[in-house]
Amino acid sequence: MEYETFQPNPDLDLFVNCYWTLVVPASDAPVKQRIIPDGLVEMAFILGEDIKRYTSEEEYIIQPRAMFLGQTMEPFYIEPTI
């Protein structure tokens, strides 16, 4: 996985903490990733393959391609569909 963060233009400093990207290479055996709450509000855009968000140990939903995420209260798991 390749994770990078970028600082916003100074004009957006009051509103945007950072931009980040995550590139997940294709794999024959995708791995669940634990997402830990960080107290931040985020906008997310999925530009590649779909992402599963687990709602229980075995059940999942497919994440929307674009979403606005409020503050997360507890950890959850995601997994690429590649």
C-alpha atoms as a PDB file:
ATOM      1  CA  MET A   1       0.000   0.000   0.000  1.00  0.00           C
ATOM      2  CA  GLU A   2       1.119   3.509  -0.750  1.00  0.00           C
ATOM      3  CA  TYR A   3      -0.212   6.245   1.593  1.00  0.00           C
ATOM      4  CA  GLU A   4       0.677   9.927   1.118  1.00  0.00           C
ATOM      5  CA  THR A   5      -0.538  13.173   2.664  1.00  0.00           C
ATOM      6  CA  PHE A   6      -0.460  16.625   1.096  1.00  0.00           C
ATOM      7  CA  GLN A   7      -0.889  20.076   2.618  1.00  0.00           C
ATOM      8  CA  PRO A   8      -3.678  22.293   1.257  1.00  0.00           C
ATOM      9  CA  ASN A   9      -3.196  25.653  -0.353  1.00  0.00           C
ATOM     10  CA  PRO A  10      -2.683  28.273   2.417  1.00  0.00           C
ATOM     11  CA  ASP A  11      -6.059  29.827   1.478  1.00  0.00           C
ATOM     12  CA  LEU A  12      -7.748  26.587   2.643  1.00  0.00           C
ATOM     13  CA  ASP A  13      -5.720  26.103   5.844  1.00  0.00           C
ATOM     14  CA  LEU A  14      -8.637  27.053   8.103  1.00  0.00           C
ATOM     15  CA  PHE A  15     -10.935  24.475   6.483  1.00  0.00           C
ATOM     16  CA  VAL A  16      -8.749  21.599   5.259  1.00  0.00           C
ATOM     17  CA  ASN A  17      -6.256  19.748   7.459  1.00  0.00           C
ATOM     18  CA  CYS A  18      -4.741  17.714   4.624  1.00  0.00           C
ATOM     19  CA  TYR A  19      -5.387  15.707   1.482  1.00  0.00           C
ATOM     20  CA  TRP A  20      -4.388  12.068   1.393  1.00  0.00           C
ATOM     21  CA  THR A  21      -4.196   9.279  -1.139  1.00  0.00           C
ATOM     22  CA  LEU A  22      -4.032   5.530  -0.724  1.00  0.00           C
ATOM     23  CA  VAL A  23      -3.004   3.238  -3.563  1.00  0.00           C
ATOM     24  CA  VAL A  24      -3.647  -0.466  -2.992  1.00  0.00           C
ATOM     25  CA  PRO A  25      -1.980  -2.779  -5.517  1.00  0.00           C
ATOM     26  CA  ALA A  26      -3.981  -5.636  -6.999  1.00  0.00           C
ATOM     27  CA  SER A  27      -3.679  -8.845  -5.022  1.00  0.00           C
ATOM     28  CA  ASP A  28      -4.886 -12.434  -5.231  1.00  0.00           C
ATOM     29  CA  ALA A  29      -5.546 -12.326  -1.477  1.00  0.00           C
ATOM     30  CA  PRO A  30      -6.947  -8.926  -0.373  1.00  0.00           C
ATOM     31  CA  VAL A  31      -6.525  -8.198   3.325  1.00  0.00           C
ATOM     32  CA  LYS A  32      -8.996  -6.557   5.703  1.00  0.00           C
ATOM     33  CA  GLN A  33      -7.704  -3.243   7.033  1.00  0.00           C
ATOM     34  CA  ARG A  34      -8.782  -1.925  10.440  1.00  0.00           C
ATOM     35  CA  ILE A  35      -9.797   1.737  10.381  1.00  0.00           C
ATOM     36  CA  ILE A  36      -9.371   3.496  13.708  1.00  0.00           C
ATOM     37  CA  PRO A  37     -11.394   6.653  14.490  1.00  0.00           C
ATOM     38  CA  ASP A  38      -9.334   9.843  14.333  1.00  0.00           C
ATOM     39  CA  GLY A  39     -11.993  12.414  15.257  1.00  0.00           C
ATOM     40  CA  LEU A  40     -11.901  14.089  11.844  1.00  0.00           C
ATOM     41  CA  VAL A  41     -14.586  14.705   9.235  1.00  0.00           C
ATOM     42  CA  GLU A  42     -13.592  13.454   5.775  1.00  0.00           C
ATOM     43  CA  MET A  43     -14.682  13.463   2.152  1.00  0.00           C
ATOM     44  CA  ALA A  44     -13.659  10.295   0.347  1.00  0.00           C
ATOM     45  CA  PHE A  45     -13.590   9.485  -3.361  1.00  0.00           C
ATOM     46  CA  ILE A  46     -12.954   5.932  -4.537  1.00  0.00           C
ATOM     47  CA  LEU A  47     -11.282   6.153  -7.922  1.00  0.00           C
ATOM     48  CA  GLY A  48     -10.320   2.494  -8.356  1.00  0.00           C
ATOM     49  CA  GLU A  49     -11.983  -0.793  -7.519  1.00  0.00           C
ATOM     50  CA  ASP A  50     -14.857  -1.038  -5.051  1.00  0.00           C
ATOM     51  CA  ILE A  51     -14.201  -1.237  -1.301  1.00  0.00           C
ATOM     52  CA  LYS A  52     -16.076  -3.509   1.104  1.00  0.00           C
ATOM     53  CA  ARG A  53     -16.981  -2.087   4.530  1.00  0.00           C
ATOM     54  CA  TYR A  54     -17.684  -4.841   7.021  1.00  0.00           C
ATOM     55  CA  THR A  55     -20.826  -4.426   9.122  1.00  0.00           C
ATOM     56  CA  SER A  56     -20.151  -7.650  11.034  1.00  0.00           C
ATOM     57  CA  GLU A  57     -17.548 -10.425  10.978  1.00  0.00           C
ATOM     58  CA  GLU A  58     -18.809 -11.819   7.640  1.00  0.00           C
ATOM     59  CA  GLU A  59     -21.288  -9.255   6.256  1.00  0.00           C
ATOM     60  CA  TYR A  60     -20.313  -6.149   4.326  1.00  0.00           C
ATOM     61  CA  ILE A  61     -21.619  -3.352   2.138  1.00  0.00           C
ATOM     62  CA  ILE A  62     -19.923  -1.822  -0.886  1.00  0.00           C
ATOM     63  CA  GLN A  63     -18.785   1.706  -0.030  1.00  0.00           C
ATOM     64  CA  PRO A  64     -20.258   4.527  -2.145  1.00  0.00           C
ATOM     65  CA  ARG A  65     -17.836   5.923  -4.754  1.00  0.00           C
ATOM     66  CA  ALA A  66     -18.053   9.379  -3.123  1.00  0.00           C
ATOM     67  CA  MET A  67     -18.994  10.043   0.498  1.00  0.00           C
ATOM     68  CA  PHE A  68     -18.882  12.526   3.330  1.00  0.00           C
ATOM     69  CA  LEU A  69     -17.871  10.831   6.596  1.00  0.00           C
ATOM     70  CA  GLY A  70     -18.657  12.308   9.985  1.00  0.00           C
ATOM     71  CA  GLN A  71     -16.716  11.520  13.119  1.00  0.00           C
ATOM     72  CA  THR A  72     -16.386   7.749  13.471  1.00  0.00           C
ATOM     73  CA  MET A  73     -17.129   6.409  16.951  1.00  0.00           C
ATOM     74  CA  GLU A  74     -15.592   2.930  16.739  1.00  0.00           C
ATOM     75  CA  PRO A  75     -13.132   0.984  14.575  1.00  0.00           C
ATOM     76  CA  PHE A  76     -14.352  -0.819  11.464  1.00  0.00           C
ATOM     77  CA  TYR A  77     -12.816  -2.949   8.717  1.00  0.00           C
ATOM     78  CA  ILE A  78     -12.523  -2.377   4.990  1.00  0.00           C
ATOM     79  CA  GLU A  79     -11.193  -4.621   2.222  1.00  0.00           C
ATOM     80  CA  PRO A  80     -10.477  -3.981  -1.456  1.00  0.00           C
ATOM     81  CA  THR A  81     -12.468  -6.066  -3.944  1.00  0.00           C
ATOM     82  CA  ILE A  82      -9.439  -6.607  -6.199  1.00  0.00           C
END
